[in-house]
Amino acid sequence: MIGLLLGFVPSALSLVSGNTISVSGTAISGWTGVWTVTLACGLGGFLFGAIWALVFRALAIASER
């Protein structure tokens, strides 16, 4: 949820101020760019959380032994 919020707010504010969102040198205008950045940040946040969940699970299993 935080990743989605961190993606949506800055990109929506960028759209409102009249800027064009650029991803790898490709300009994505309008709400398509906002949702692209939101999806990318949300996916990144999900993967970050999933990796840390695996790390903490591995630590819990290791500490039981």
C-alpha atoms as a PDB file:
ATOM      1  CA  MET A   1       0.000   0.000   0.000  1.00  0.00           C
ATOM      2  CA  ILE A   2       2.834   2.392   0.799  1.00  0.00           C
ATOM      3  CA  GLY A   3       4.458   1.655  -2.558  1.00  0.00           C
ATOM      4  CA  LEU A   4       1.225   2.475  -4.348  1.00  0.00           C
ATOM      5  CA  LEU A   5       0.895   5.700  -2.388  1.00  0.00           C
ATOM      6  CA  LEU A   6       4.512   6.657  -3.058  1.00  0.00           C
ATOM      7  CA  GLY A   7       3.929   6.073  -6.750  1.00  0.00           C
ATOM      8  CA  PHE A   8       0.577   7.775  -7.123  1.00  0.00           C
ATOM      9  CA  VAL A   9       1.056  11.009  -5.182  1.00  0.00           C
ATOM     10  CA  PRO A  10       4.244  12.308  -6.852  1.00  0.00           C
ATOM     11  CA  SER A  11       3.173  11.261 -10.335  1.00  0.00           C
ATOM     12  CA  ALA A  12      -0.302  12.792  -9.938  1.00  0.00           C
ATOM     13  CA  LEU A  13       1.249  16.026  -8.676  1.00  0.00           C
ATOM     14  CA  SER A  14       3.624  15.955 -11.636  1.00  0.00           C
ATOM     15  CA  LEU A  15       0.682  15.579 -14.001  1.00  0.00           C
ATOM     16  CA  VAL A  16      -1.201  18.455 -12.358  1.00  0.00           C
ATOM     17  CA  SER A  17       1.833  20.736 -12.654  1.00  0.00           C
ATOM     18  CA  GLY A  18       2.019  20.033 -16.395  1.00  0.00           C
ATOM     19  CA  ASN A  19       5.062  17.778 -16.554  1.00  0.00           C
ATOM     20  CA  THR A  20       5.354  14.688 -18.733  1.00  0.00           C
ATOM     21  CA  ILE A  21       6.443  11.468 -17.034  1.00  0.00           C
ATOM     22  CA  SER A  22       9.466   9.845 -18.651  1.00  0.00           C
ATOM     23  CA  VAL A  23      10.234   6.155 -18.207  1.00  0.00           C
ATOM     24  CA  SER A  24      13.572   5.037 -19.689  1.00  0.00           C
ATOM     25  CA  GLY A  25      13.537   7.963 -22.096  1.00  0.00           C
ATOM     26  CA  THR A  26       9.998   7.289 -23.296  1.00  0.00           C
ATOM     27  CA  ALA A  27       7.507  10.050 -22.557  1.00  0.00           C
ATOM     28  CA  ILE A  28       4.205   8.793 -21.147  1.00  0.00           C
ATOM     29  CA  SER A  29       1.645  11.569 -20.924  1.00  0.00           C
ATOM     30  CA  GLY A  30      -1.595  11.849 -19.007  1.00  0.00           C
ATOM     31  CA  TRP A  31      -3.087   9.405 -16.568  1.00  0.00           C
ATOM     32  CA  THR A  32      -1.418   6.475 -18.328  1.00  0.00           C
ATOM     33  CA  GLY A  33       1.916   7.725 -17.004  1.00  0.00           C
ATOM     34  CA  VAL A  34       0.512   8.171 -13.509  1.00  0.00           C
ATOM     35  CA  TRP A  35      -0.838   4.636 -13.390  1.00  0.00           C
ATOM     36  CA  THR A  36       2.368   3.229 -14.902  1.00  0.00           C
ATOM     37  CA  VAL A  37       4.475   4.807 -12.156  1.00  0.00           C
ATOM     38  CA  THR A  38       1.922   3.766  -9.507  1.00  0.00           C
ATOM     39  CA  LEU A  39       1.975   0.156 -10.704  1.00  0.00           C
ATOM     40  CA  ALA A  40       5.776   0.082 -10.853  1.00  0.00           C
ATOM     41  CA  CYS A  41       6.156   1.474  -7.325  1.00  0.00           C
ATOM     42  CA  GLY A  42       3.442  -0.832  -5.990  1.00  0.00           C
ATOM     43  CA  LEU A  43       5.109  -3.869  -7.522  1.00  0.00           C
ATOM     44  CA  GLY A  44       8.474  -2.765  -6.167  1.00  0.00           C
ATOM     45  CA  GLY A  45       7.004  -2.320  -2.697  1.00  0.00           C
ATOM     46  CA  PHE A  46       5.364  -5.736  -2.849  1.00  0.00           C
ATOM     47  CA  LEU A  47       8.605  -7.436  -3.875  1.00  0.00           C
ATOM     48  CA  PHE A  48      10.534  -5.552  -1.188  1.00  0.00           C
ATOM     49  CA  GLY A  49       8.049  -6.723   1.449  1.00  0.00           C
ATOM     50  CA  ALA A  50       8.025 -10.287   0.157  1.00  0.00           C
ATOM     51  CA  ILE A  51      11.812 -10.547   0.275  1.00  0.00           C
ATOM     52  CA  TRP A  52      11.952  -9.210   3.839  1.00  0.00           C
ATOM     53  CA  ALA A  53       9.161 -11.582   4.876  1.00  0.00           C
ATOM     54  CA  LEU A  54      11.266 -14.485   3.572  1.00  0.00           C
ATOM     55  CA  VAL A  55      14.347 -13.180   5.387  1.00  0.00           C
ATOM     56  CA  PHE A  56      12.494 -12.884   8.695  1.00  0.00           C
ATOM     57  CA  ARG A  57      10.910 -16.303   8.213  1.00  0.00           C
ATOM     58  CA  ALA A  58      14.343 -17.811   7.611  1.00  0.00           C
ATOM     59  CA  LEU A  59      15.647 -16.111  10.762  1.00  0.00           C
ATOM     60  CA  ALA A  60      12.713 -17.494  12.759  1.00  0.00           C
ATOM     61  CA  ILE A  61      13.357 -21.023  11.496  1.00  0.00           C
ATOM     62  CA  ALA A  62      17.077 -20.698  12.219  1.00  0.00           C
ATOM     63  CA  SER A  63      16.483 -19.410  15.738  1.00  0.00           C
ATOM     64  CA  GLU A  64      14.280 -22.394  16.624  1.00  0.00           C
ATOM     65  CA  ARG A  65      17.162 -24.818  16.195  1.00  0.00           C
END
